[in-house]
Amino acid sequence: MTDYNALKELAMSCGFSHVGDLDVDTIEVRPEVRESCAENKCQAYNKNWVCPPACGTLEECSAMIHKYKRGLILQTTGTLEDSMDYEAMMELAENHGKHMDQFSDEIHKLFPDAMIVGDGQCKRCKVCTYPDAPCRFPDKKSSAMEALGMVVSAVCADNNIPYYYGPGTLTYVGCVLIE
């Protein structure tokens, strides 16, 4: 049996602010989330291996997710001077990405088949090989929760971990599916 308390300690040592248990059965993939990806507001749609359409259909994403039963929700929370503090938002996003990469490297030593799901497009490579060549690091890539059809706030709420930590805060969320 997996020692989830030890895994939570490992996650916290990688720099996350909050870590919670994840029951994969609570995850729903929703067409409306995927449809919002097609609007391409983040400029990543159809440009890398971990965003739609390359990450698979909703049915394929659901099958990938639901082959697991448990995991962890991983959060990095920071404070903003005001709602327009773009510099702090970008710094927080960068820190969360570093935490995710470090945790991914560590968790794959323990669980080689773990699925890492991040908060945006994979940033392992400066330039993605999509669609001209296979992914350089298929074992290290991570799709965004939204790319797989998840509503991030719902995943947090359904697993009893806050998504909002009060005025002047911003939280980036990822997860790892383990067993």
N, C-alpha and C. Protein backbone atom coordinates (compact mmCIF):
# COMPACT_ATOMS: atom_id res chain seq x y z
N MET A 1 0.85 -1.18 0.00
CA MET A 1 0.00 0.00 0.00
C MET A 1 0.89 1.24 0.00
N THR A 2 0.50 2.22 -0.77
CA THR A 2 1.26 3.45 -0.93
C THR A 2 1.11 4.34 0.31
N ASP A 3 2.20 4.89 0.76
CA ASP A 3 2.21 5.81 1.90
C ASP A 3 1.98 7.23 1.37
N TYR A 4 0.72 7.64 1.34
CA TYR A 4 0.38 8.95 0.79
C TYR A 4 0.89 10.10 1.66
N ASN A 5 1.03 9.88 2.94
CA ASN A 5 1.60 10.94 3.79
C ASN A 5 3.05 11.21 3.39
N ALA A 6 3.80 10.17 3.09
CA ALA A 6 5.19 10.35 2.63
C ALA A 6 5.22 11.05 1.27
N LEU A 7 4.28 10.71 0.38
CA LEU A 7 4.22 11.37 -0.92
C LEU A 7 3.86 12.85 -0.78
N LYS A 8 2.98 13.15 0.16
CA LYS A 8 2.62 14.56 0.41
C LYS A 8 3.83 15.32 0.94
N GLU A 9 4.59 14.70 1.81
CA GLU A 9 5.81 15.34 2.32
C GLU A 9 6.80 15.57 1.18
N LEU A 10 6.93 14.60 0.29
CA LEU A 10 7.80 14.75 -0.87
C LEU A 10 7.34 15.94 -1.71
N ALA A 11 6.03 16.03 -1.95
CA ALA A 11 5.49 17.14 -2.74
C ALA A 11 5.77 18.48 -2.07
N MET A 12 5.56 18.55 -0.78
CA MET A 12 5.82 19.80 -0.06
C MET A 12 7.30 20.16 -0.15
N SER A 13 8.18 19.16 -0.11
CA SER A 13 9.62 19.43 -0.20
C SER A 13 10.00 19.95 -1.59
N CYS A 14 9.15 19.73 -2.57
CA CYS A 14 9.40 20.25 -3.92
C CYS A 14 8.91 21.69 -4.06
N GLY A 15 8.27 22.22 -3.02
CA GLY A 15 7.90 23.62 -3.03
C GLY A 15 6.43 23.94 -3.11
N PHE A 16 5.56 22.94 -3.19
CA PHE A 16 4.13 23.23 -3.27
C PHE A 16 3.63 23.84 -1.97
N SER A 17 2.62 24.68 -2.08
CA SER A 17 2.01 25.32 -0.92
C SER A 17 1.00 24.42 -0.23
N HIS A 18 0.26 23.65 -1.04
CA HIS A 18 -0.81 22.79 -0.54
C HIS A 18 -0.81 21.49 -1.33
N VAL A 19 -1.08 20.40 -0.64
CA VAL A 19 -1.18 19.09 -1.29
C VAL A 19 -2.37 18.37 -0.67
N GLY A 20 -3.19 17.77 -1.51
CA GLY A 20 -4.35 17.04 -1.01
C GLY A 20 -4.54 15.73 -1.74
N ASP A 21 -5.31 14.85 -1.13
CA ASP A 21 -5.63 13.56 -1.73
C ASP A 21 -6.55 13.76 -2.93
N LEU A 22 -6.41 12.91 -3.91
CA LEU A 22 -7.23 12.95 -5.11
C LEU A 22 -7.84 11.58 -5.35
N ASP A 23 -9.17 11.54 -5.37
CA ASP A 23 -9.92 10.35 -5.74
C ASP A 23 -10.26 10.50 -7.21
N VAL A 24 -9.64 9.72 -8.05
CA VAL A 24 -9.78 9.88 -9.49
C VAL A 24 -11.23 9.68 -9.95
N ASP A 25 -12.01 8.90 -9.21
CA ASP A 25 -13.41 8.71 -9.58
C ASP A 25 -14.21 10.01 -9.55
N THR A 26 -13.70 11.04 -8.88
CA THR A 26 -14.41 12.32 -8.84
C THR A 26 -14.17 13.16 -10.10
N ILE A 27 -13.22 12.77 -10.91
CA ILE A 27 -12.87 13.57 -12.09
C ILE A 27 -13.83 13.29 -13.24
N GLU A 28 -14.42 14.37 -13.74
CA GLU A 28 -15.26 14.30 -14.93
C GLU A 28 -14.56 15.07 -16.04
N VAL A 29 -14.57 14.51 -17.23
CA VAL A 29 -14.09 15.28 -18.38
C VAL A 29 -15.33 15.88 -19.05
N ARG A 30 -15.25 17.16 -19.33
CA ARG A 30 -16.43 17.87 -19.82
C ARG A 30 -16.18 18.48 -21.20
N PRO A 31 -17.12 18.27 -22.10
CA PRO A 31 -16.96 18.80 -23.46
C PRO A 31 -16.82 20.32 -23.49
N GLU A 32 -17.51 21.03 -22.61
CA GLU A 32 -17.45 22.49 -22.64
C GLU A 32 -16.05 23.02 -22.30
N VAL A 33 -15.31 22.26 -21.50
CA VAL A 33 -13.93 22.66 -21.19
C VAL A 33 -13.07 22.50 -22.43
N ARG A 34 -13.22 21.38 -23.10
CA ARG A 34 -12.46 21.12 -24.33
C ARG A 34 -12.84 22.14 -25.41
N GLU A 35 -14.12 22.48 -25.48
CA GLU A 35 -14.56 23.47 -26.46
C GLU A 35 -13.90 24.82 -26.23
N SER A 36 -13.68 25.17 -24.96
CA SER A 36 -13.01 26.43 -24.68
C SER A 36 -11.55 26.39 -25.12
N CYS A 37 -10.95 25.20 -25.12
CA CYS A 37 -9.58 25.07 -25.65
C CYS A 37 -9.55 25.46 -27.13
N ALA A 38 -10.56 25.05 -27.86
CA ALA A 38 -10.60 25.32 -29.29
C ALA A 38 -10.68 26.82 -29.59
N GLU A 39 -11.09 27.62 -28.62
CA GLU A 39 -11.11 29.08 -28.81
C GLU A 39 -9.69 29.65 -28.84
N ASN A 40 -8.72 28.87 -28.39
CA ASN A 40 -7.29 29.18 -28.47
C ASN A 40 -6.87 30.47 -27.75
N LYS A 41 -7.49 30.75 -26.63
CA LYS A 41 -7.12 31.95 -25.87
C LYS A 41 -5.69 31.88 -25.35
N CYS A 42 -5.20 30.69 -25.08
CA CYS A 42 -3.84 30.53 -24.55
C CYS A 42 -2.80 30.39 -25.66
N GLN A 43 -3.24 30.37 -26.90
CA GLN A 43 -2.35 30.25 -28.06
C GLN A 43 -1.61 28.92 -28.14
N ALA A 44 -2.17 27.87 -27.53
CA ALA A 44 -1.50 26.57 -27.55
C ALA A 44 -2.29 25.51 -28.31
N TYR A 45 -3.52 25.80 -28.68
CA TYR A 45 -4.35 24.81 -29.36
C TYR A 45 -3.69 24.40 -30.68
N ASN A 46 -3.57 23.09 -30.87
CA ASN A 46 -3.02 22.51 -32.09
C ASN A 46 -1.56 22.93 -32.34
N LYS A 47 -0.82 23.18 -31.23
CA LYS A 47 0.57 23.62 -31.37
C LYS A 47 1.55 22.78 -30.57
N ASN A 48 1.08 21.78 -29.83
CA ASN A 48 1.99 20.94 -29.06
C ASN A 48 1.33 19.60 -28.77
N TRP A 49 2.15 18.66 -28.29
CA TRP A 49 1.69 17.30 -28.06
C TRP A 49 0.76 17.13 -26.88
N VAL A 50 0.67 18.10 -25.98
CA VAL A 50 -0.11 17.91 -24.76
C VAL A 50 -1.40 18.72 -24.72
N CYS A 51 -1.69 19.44 -25.78
CA CYS A 51 -2.93 20.20 -25.89
C CYS A 51 -3.79 19.59 -26.99
N PRO A 52 -5.09 19.91 -26.99
CA PRO A 52 -5.94 19.41 -28.07
C PRO A 52 -5.47 19.96 -29.42
N PRO A 53 -5.65 19.23 -30.44
CA PRO A 53 -6.23 17.90 -30.49
C PRO A 53 -5.23 16.77 -30.24
N ALA A 54 -3.94 17.08 -30.15
CA ALA A 54 -2.91 16.04 -30.05
C ALA A 54 -2.99 15.20 -28.78
N CYS A 55 -3.56 15.76 -27.69
CA CYS A 55 -3.61 15.00 -26.43
C CYS A 55 -4.69 13.92 -26.45
N GLY A 56 -5.50 13.89 -27.50
CA GLY A 56 -6.51 12.84 -27.63
C GLY A 56 -7.93 13.37 -27.51
N THR A 57 -8.86 12.53 -27.88
CA THR A 57 -10.27 12.87 -27.75
C THR A 57 -10.65 12.87 -26.27
N LEU A 58 -11.80 13.42 -25.94
CA LEU A 58 -12.25 13.37 -24.55
C LEU A 58 -12.39 11.94 -24.07
N GLU A 59 -12.85 11.05 -24.93
CA GLU A 59 -12.98 9.65 -24.55
C GLU A 59 -11.62 9.04 -24.24
N GLU A 60 -10.62 9.36 -25.06
CA GLU A 60 -9.27 8.85 -24.83
C GLU A 60 -8.68 9.44 -23.55
N CYS A 61 -8.93 10.73 -23.33
CA CYS A 61 -8.43 11.38 -22.11
C CYS A 61 -9.07 10.77 -20.87
N SER A 62 -10.37 10.54 -20.93
CA SER A 62 -11.07 9.93 -19.80
C SER A 62 -10.51 8.54 -19.51
N ALA A 63 -10.26 7.77 -20.56
CA ALA A 63 -9.71 6.42 -20.37
C ALA A 63 -8.31 6.49 -19.74
N MET A 64 -7.48 7.44 -20.18
CA MET A 64 -6.14 7.60 -19.60
C MET A 64 -6.24 7.95 -18.12
N ILE A 65 -7.13 8.87 -17.79
CA ILE A 65 -7.29 9.33 -16.41
C ILE A 65 -7.83 8.22 -15.53
N HIS A 66 -8.86 7.54 -16.00
CA HIS A 66 -9.58 6.60 -15.14
C HIS A 66 -8.96 5.20 -15.08
N LYS A 67 -7.78 5.04 -15.67
CA LYS A 67 -7.06 3.79 -15.41
C LYS A 67 -6.40 3.87 -14.04
N TYR A 68 -6.39 5.07 -13.45
CA TYR A 68 -5.86 5.30 -12.10
C TYR A 68 -7.03 5.42 -11.12
N LYS A 69 -6.76 5.24 -9.84
CA LYS A 69 -7.79 5.38 -8.81
C LYS A 69 -7.47 6.49 -7.81
N ARG A 70 -6.18 6.73 -7.59
CA ARG A 70 -5.79 7.70 -6.57
C ARG A 70 -4.66 8.57 -7.07
N GLY A 71 -4.47 9.67 -6.36
CA GLY A 71 -3.37 10.56 -6.67
C GLY A 71 -3.32 11.71 -5.69
N LEU A 72 -2.69 12.78 -6.11
CA LEU A 72 -2.55 13.98 -5.28
C LEU A 72 -2.87 15.22 -6.10
N ILE A 73 -3.48 16.19 -5.44
CA ILE A 73 -3.66 17.53 -6.00
C ILE A 73 -2.50 18.36 -5.48
N LEU A 74 -1.86 19.11 -6.38
CA LEU A 74 -0.66 19.87 -6.07
C LEU A 74 -0.90 21.35 -6.36
N GLN A 75 -0.71 22.20 -5.36
CA GLN A 75 -1.01 23.62 -5.54
C GLN A 75 0.16 24.50 -5.13
N THR A 76 0.32 25.58 -5.87
CA THR A 76 1.26 26.63 -5.52
C THR A 76 0.45 27.92 -5.42
N THR A 77 0.43 28.51 -4.23
CA THR A 77 -0.35 29.72 -3.97
C THR A 77 0.60 30.87 -3.67
N GLY A 78 0.28 32.02 -4.19
CA GLY A 78 1.08 33.21 -3.92
C GLY A 78 0.18 34.42 -3.75
N THR A 79 0.78 35.51 -3.36
CA THR A 79 0.02 36.75 -3.16
C THR A 79 0.32 37.73 -4.29
N LEU A 80 -0.67 38.53 -4.59
CA LEU A 80 -0.58 39.55 -5.62
C LEU A 80 -0.77 40.93 -4.98
N GLU A 81 -0.09 41.92 -5.51
CA GLU A 81 -0.30 43.29 -5.01
C GLU A 81 -1.71 43.76 -5.33
N ASP A 82 -2.19 43.39 -6.52
CA ASP A 82 -3.55 43.71 -6.94
C ASP A 82 -3.92 42.75 -8.06
N SER A 83 -5.14 42.84 -8.55
CA SER A 83 -5.63 41.89 -9.56
C SER A 83 -4.93 42.04 -10.91
N MET A 84 -4.14 43.07 -11.09
CA MET A 84 -3.42 43.29 -12.34
C MET A 84 -1.92 43.03 -12.20
N ASP A 85 -1.51 42.38 -11.14
CA ASP A 85 -0.09 42.14 -10.85
C ASP A 85 0.42 41.00 -11.74
N TYR A 86 0.58 41.31 -13.01
CA TYR A 86 0.99 40.33 -14.00
C TYR A 86 2.36 39.74 -13.69
N GLU A 87 3.28 40.55 -13.22
CA GLU A 87 4.63 40.09 -12.90
C GLU A 87 4.59 38.99 -11.84
N ALA A 88 3.80 39.20 -10.79
CA ALA A 88 3.69 38.18 -9.73
C ALA A 88 3.00 36.93 -10.25
N MET A 89 2.02 37.10 -11.13
CA MET A 89 1.33 35.95 -11.71
C MET A 89 2.30 35.09 -12.50
N MET A 90 3.14 35.73 -13.31
CA MET A 90 4.10 34.99 -14.14
C MET A 90 5.18 34.33 -13.28
N GLU A 91 5.62 35.01 -12.24
CA GLU A 91 6.61 34.42 -11.34
C GLU A 91 6.03 33.21 -10.62
N LEU A 92 4.77 33.32 -10.18
CA LEU A 92 4.11 32.21 -9.52
C LEU A 92 3.94 31.03 -10.48
N ALA A 93 3.55 31.32 -11.72
CA ALA A 93 3.40 30.26 -12.72
C ALA A 93 4.73 29.56 -12.97
N GLU A 94 5.80 30.34 -13.06
CA GLU A 94 7.13 29.75 -13.28
C GLU A 94 7.53 28.87 -12.10
N ASN A 95 7.28 29.36 -10.88
CA ASN A 95 7.60 28.56 -9.69
C ASN A 95 6.79 27.27 -9.65
N HIS A 96 5.50 27.37 -9.97
CA HIS A 96 4.66 26.17 -9.99
C HIS A 96 5.20 25.16 -11.01
N GLY A 97 5.60 25.66 -12.17
CA GLY A 97 6.17 24.78 -13.19
C GLY A 97 7.43 24.08 -12.71
N LYS A 98 8.28 24.81 -12.00
CA LYS A 98 9.50 24.21 -11.45
C LYS A 98 9.14 23.15 -10.41
N HIS A 99 8.16 23.45 -9.57
CA HIS A 99 7.72 22.47 -8.56
C HIS A 99 7.19 21.21 -9.25
N MET A 100 6.39 21.41 -10.31
CA MET A 100 5.82 20.26 -11.03
C MET A 100 6.93 19.42 -11.67
N ASP A 101 7.91 20.07 -12.30
CA ASP A 101 9.00 19.33 -12.94
C ASP A 101 9.81 18.55 -11.91
N GLN A 102 10.13 19.19 -10.79
CA GLN A 102 10.91 18.51 -9.75
C GLN A 102 10.14 17.33 -9.18
N PHE A 103 8.85 17.55 -8.88
CA PHE A 103 8.04 16.47 -8.33
C PHE A 103 7.88 15.35 -9.35
N SER A 104 7.69 15.71 -10.62
CA SER A 104 7.56 14.70 -11.68
C SER A 104 8.79 13.80 -11.73
N ASP A 105 9.96 14.42 -11.67
CA ASP A 105 11.20 13.63 -11.70
C ASP A 105 11.27 12.69 -10.51
N GLU A 106 10.89 13.17 -9.33
CA GLU A 106 10.95 12.35 -8.12
C GLU A 106 9.89 11.25 -8.11
N ILE A 107 8.67 11.59 -8.49
CA ILE A 107 7.57 10.61 -8.41
C ILE A 107 7.77 9.50 -9.44
N HIS A 108 8.38 9.83 -10.58
CA HIS A 108 8.61 8.79 -11.59
C HIS A 108 9.67 7.79 -11.15
N LYS A 109 10.51 8.16 -10.21
CA LYS A 109 11.46 7.19 -9.65
C LYS A 109 10.71 6.15 -8.83
N LEU A 110 9.63 6.56 -8.18
CA LEU A 110 8.83 5.66 -7.34
C LEU A 110 7.71 4.99 -8.12
N PHE A 111 7.11 5.73 -9.04
CA PHE A 111 5.97 5.25 -9.82
C PHE A 111 6.21 5.60 -11.29
N PRO A 112 6.93 4.75 -12.01
CA PRO A 112 7.27 5.07 -13.40
C PRO A 112 6.06 5.33 -14.29
N ASP A 113 4.91 4.77 -13.94
CA ASP A 113 3.72 4.95 -14.77
C ASP A 113 2.81 6.08 -14.29
N ALA A 114 3.27 6.88 -13.34
CA ALA A 114 2.45 7.99 -12.84
C ALA A 114 2.14 8.95 -13.98
N MET A 115 0.95 9.55 -13.90
CA MET A 115 0.53 10.52 -14.90
C MET A 115 0.55 11.91 -14.25
N ILE A 116 1.37 12.79 -14.79
CA ILE A 116 1.47 14.15 -14.30
C ILE A 116 0.55 15.03 -15.13
N VAL A 117 -0.28 15.82 -14.46
CA VAL A 117 -1.20 16.72 -15.14
C VAL A 117 -0.96 18.11 -14.56
N GLY A 118 -0.61 19.05 -15.43
CA GLY A 118 -0.21 20.37 -14.97
C GLY A 118 -1.28 21.43 -15.11
N ASP A 119 -0.81 22.67 -15.20
CA ASP A 119 -1.70 23.81 -15.23
C ASP A 119 -1.64 24.55 -16.57
N GLY A 120 -0.93 24.07 -17.50
CA GLY A 120 -0.79 24.71 -18.81
C GLY A 120 -0.03 23.78 -19.71
N GLN A 121 0.36 24.31 -20.85
CA GLN A 121 1.08 23.44 -21.77
C GLN A 121 2.43 23.03 -21.20
N CYS A 122 2.89 21.88 -21.61
CA CYS A 122 4.17 21.36 -21.18
C CYS A 122 5.27 22.35 -21.59
N LYS A 123 6.22 22.55 -20.70
CA LYS A 123 7.29 23.49 -20.98
C LYS A 123 8.67 22.82 -20.90
N ARG A 124 8.70 21.50 -21.04
CA ARG A 124 9.98 20.78 -20.97
C ARG A 124 10.92 21.20 -22.10
N CYS A 125 10.38 21.50 -23.25
CA CYS A 125 11.20 21.90 -24.39
C CYS A 125 10.90 23.35 -24.75
N LYS A 126 11.91 24.07 -25.23
CA LYS A 126 11.68 25.45 -25.66
C LYS A 126 10.76 25.48 -26.88
N VAL A 127 10.95 24.51 -27.78
CA VAL A 127 10.13 24.41 -28.98
C VAL A 127 9.65 22.97 -29.09
N CYS A 128 8.33 22.80 -29.13
CA CYS A 128 7.75 21.46 -29.24
C CYS A 128 7.96 20.92 -30.66
N THR A 129 8.13 19.62 -30.76
CA THR A 129 8.33 18.96 -32.05
C THR A 129 7.02 18.78 -32.83
N TYR A 130 5.89 19.06 -32.18
CA TYR A 130 4.58 18.86 -32.81
C TYR A 130 4.43 19.74 -34.04
N PRO A 131 3.88 19.25 -35.11
CA PRO A 131 3.44 17.88 -35.42
C PRO A 131 4.47 17.11 -36.25
N ASP A 132 5.67 17.67 -36.38
CA ASP A 132 6.64 17.13 -37.32
C ASP A 132 7.42 15.91 -36.84
N ALA A 133 7.53 15.75 -35.53
CA ALA A 133 8.31 14.64 -34.98
C ALA A 133 7.70 14.22 -33.65
N PRO A 134 7.99 13.01 -33.20
CA PRO A 134 7.46 12.57 -31.91
C PRO A 134 7.98 13.43 -30.76
N CYS A 135 7.26 13.40 -29.66
CA CYS A 135 7.68 14.11 -28.45
C CYS A 135 9.07 13.63 -28.03
N ARG A 136 9.94 14.55 -27.65
CA ARG A 136 11.29 14.20 -27.21
C ARG A 136 11.29 13.49 -25.86
N PHE A 137 10.33 13.84 -25.01
CA PHE A 137 10.28 13.32 -23.64
C PHE A 137 8.89 12.79 -23.31
N PRO A 138 8.45 11.73 -23.97
CA PRO A 138 7.08 11.26 -23.74
C PRO A 138 6.80 10.86 -22.30
N ASP A 139 7.82 10.44 -21.57
CA ASP A 139 7.62 10.05 -20.18
C ASP A 139 7.60 11.24 -19.23
N LYS A 140 7.95 12.42 -19.72
CA LYS A 140 8.00 13.60 -18.86
C LYS A 140 6.99 14.67 -19.24
N LYS A 141 6.28 14.47 -20.35
CA LYS A 141 5.32 15.49 -20.77
C LYS A 141 4.12 15.51 -19.85
N SER A 142 3.46 16.65 -19.80
CA SER A 142 2.25 16.75 -18.98
C SER A 142 1.24 17.67 -19.64
N SER A 143 0.03 17.18 -19.77
CA SER A 143 -1.07 17.99 -20.28
C SER A 143 -1.62 18.85 -19.18
N ALA A 144 -2.31 19.90 -19.55
CA ALA A 144 -3.02 20.72 -18.58
C ALA A 144 -4.30 20.00 -18.17
N MET A 145 -4.74 20.26 -16.95
CA MET A 145 -5.99 19.68 -16.48
C MET A 145 -7.11 20.03 -17.45
N GLU A 146 -7.15 21.29 -17.89
CA GLU A 146 -8.20 21.74 -18.80
C GLU A 146 -8.11 21.05 -20.16
N ALA A 147 -6.90 20.81 -20.65
CA ALA A 147 -6.74 20.14 -21.95
C ALA A 147 -7.36 18.75 -21.93
N LEU A 148 -7.37 18.12 -20.75
CA LEU A 148 -7.97 16.79 -20.61
C LEU A 148 -9.46 16.87 -20.31
N GLY A 149 -9.98 18.09 -20.20
CA GLY A 149 -11.41 18.28 -20.00
C GLY A 149 -11.83 18.49 -18.56
N MET A 150 -10.89 18.71 -17.65
CA MET A 150 -11.22 18.88 -16.23
C MET A 150 -11.53 20.34 -15.89
N VAL A 151 -12.50 20.53 -15.01
CA VAL A 151 -12.75 21.83 -14.41
C VAL A 151 -11.93 21.84 -13.12
N VAL A 152 -10.88 22.64 -13.09
CA VAL A 152 -9.92 22.61 -11.98
C VAL A 152 -10.59 22.86 -10.64
N SER A 153 -11.43 23.89 -10.56
CA SER A 153 -12.09 24.21 -9.29
C SER A 153 -12.98 23.07 -8.82
N ALA A 154 -13.61 22.36 -9.75
CA ALA A 154 -14.48 21.24 -9.38
C ALA A 154 -13.65 20.07 -8.86
N VAL A 155 -12.51 19.79 -9.47
CA VAL A 155 -11.64 18.71 -9.00
C VAL A 155 -11.20 19.01 -7.57
N CYS A 156 -10.83 20.25 -7.31
CA CYS A 156 -10.43 20.63 -5.95
C CYS A 156 -11.61 20.48 -4.98
N ALA A 157 -12.75 21.05 -5.33
CA ALA A 157 -13.92 21.00 -4.45
C ALA A 157 -14.36 19.56 -4.17
N ASP A 158 -14.36 18.74 -5.21
CA ASP A 158 -14.81 17.36 -5.06
C ASP A 158 -13.85 16.51 -4.22
N ASN A 159 -12.66 17.06 -3.96
CA ASN A 159 -11.67 16.36 -3.16
C ASN A 159 -11.31 17.11 -1.87
N ASN A 160 -12.18 18.04 -1.51
CA ASN A 160 -12.07 18.76 -0.24
C ASN A 160 -10.76 19.50 -0.05
N ILE A 161 -10.26 20.10 -1.12
CA ILE A 161 -9.10 20.98 -1.01
C ILE A 161 -9.51 22.33 -1.59
N PRO A 162 -9.25 23.41 -0.86
CA PRO A 162 -9.65 24.72 -1.37
C PRO A 162 -9.00 25.04 -2.71
N TYR A 163 -9.68 25.86 -3.47
CA TYR A 163 -9.14 26.38 -4.72
C TYR A 163 -8.83 27.87 -4.56
N TYR A 164 -9.54 28.50 -3.66
CA TYR A 164 -9.40 29.94 -3.42
C TYR A 164 -8.93 30.14 -1.98
N TYR A 165 -7.85 30.89 -1.83
CA TYR A 165 -7.27 31.10 -0.50
C TYR A 165 -7.40 32.55 -0.03
N GLY A 166 -8.33 33.29 -0.58
CA GLY A 166 -8.62 34.62 -0.08
C GLY A 166 -8.19 35.73 -1.03
N PRO A 167 -8.64 36.95 -0.71
CA PRO A 167 -8.32 38.10 -1.56
C PRO A 167 -6.80 38.28 -1.70
N GLY A 168 -6.40 38.68 -2.89
CA GLY A 168 -5.00 38.94 -3.13
C GLY A 168 -4.15 37.69 -3.32
N THR A 169 -4.80 36.53 -3.53
CA THR A 169 -4.05 35.30 -3.75
C THR A 169 -4.37 34.73 -5.12
N LEU A 170 -3.46 33.92 -5.61
CA LEU A 170 -3.65 33.19 -6.86
C LEU A 170 -3.06 31.80 -6.64
N THR A 171 -3.76 30.79 -7.12
CA THR A 171 -3.31 29.42 -6.96
C THR A 171 -3.22 28.72 -8.30
N TYR A 172 -2.08 28.10 -8.56
CA TYR A 172 -1.91 27.24 -9.72
C TYR A 172 -2.05 25.80 -9.24
N VAL A 173 -2.71 24.97 -10.05
CA VAL A 173 -3.06 23.62 -9.63
C VAL A 173 -2.60 22.61 -10.67
N GLY A 174 -2.07 21.51 -10.17
CA GLY A 174 -1.76 20.35 -10.99
C GLY A 174 -2.12 19.12 -10.20
N CYS A 175 -1.89 17.98 -10.78
CA CYS A 175 -2.13 16.75 -10.03
C CYS A 175 -1.24 15.63 -10.58
N VAL A 176 -1.15 14.60 -9.79
CA VAL A 176 -0.45 13.40 -10.22
C VAL A 176 -1.39 12.23 -9.94
N LEU A 177 -1.52 11.37 -10.93
CA LEU A 177 -2.33 10.16 -10.80
C LEU A 177 -1.35 9.01 -10.64
N ILE A 178 -1.53 8.25 -9.56
CA ILE A 178 -0.49 7.30 -9.20
C ILE A 178 -0.89 5.84 -9.35
N GLU A 179 -2.00 5.46 -8.75
CA GLU A 179 -2.34 4.04 -8.78
C GLU A 179 -3.82 3.82 -9.01
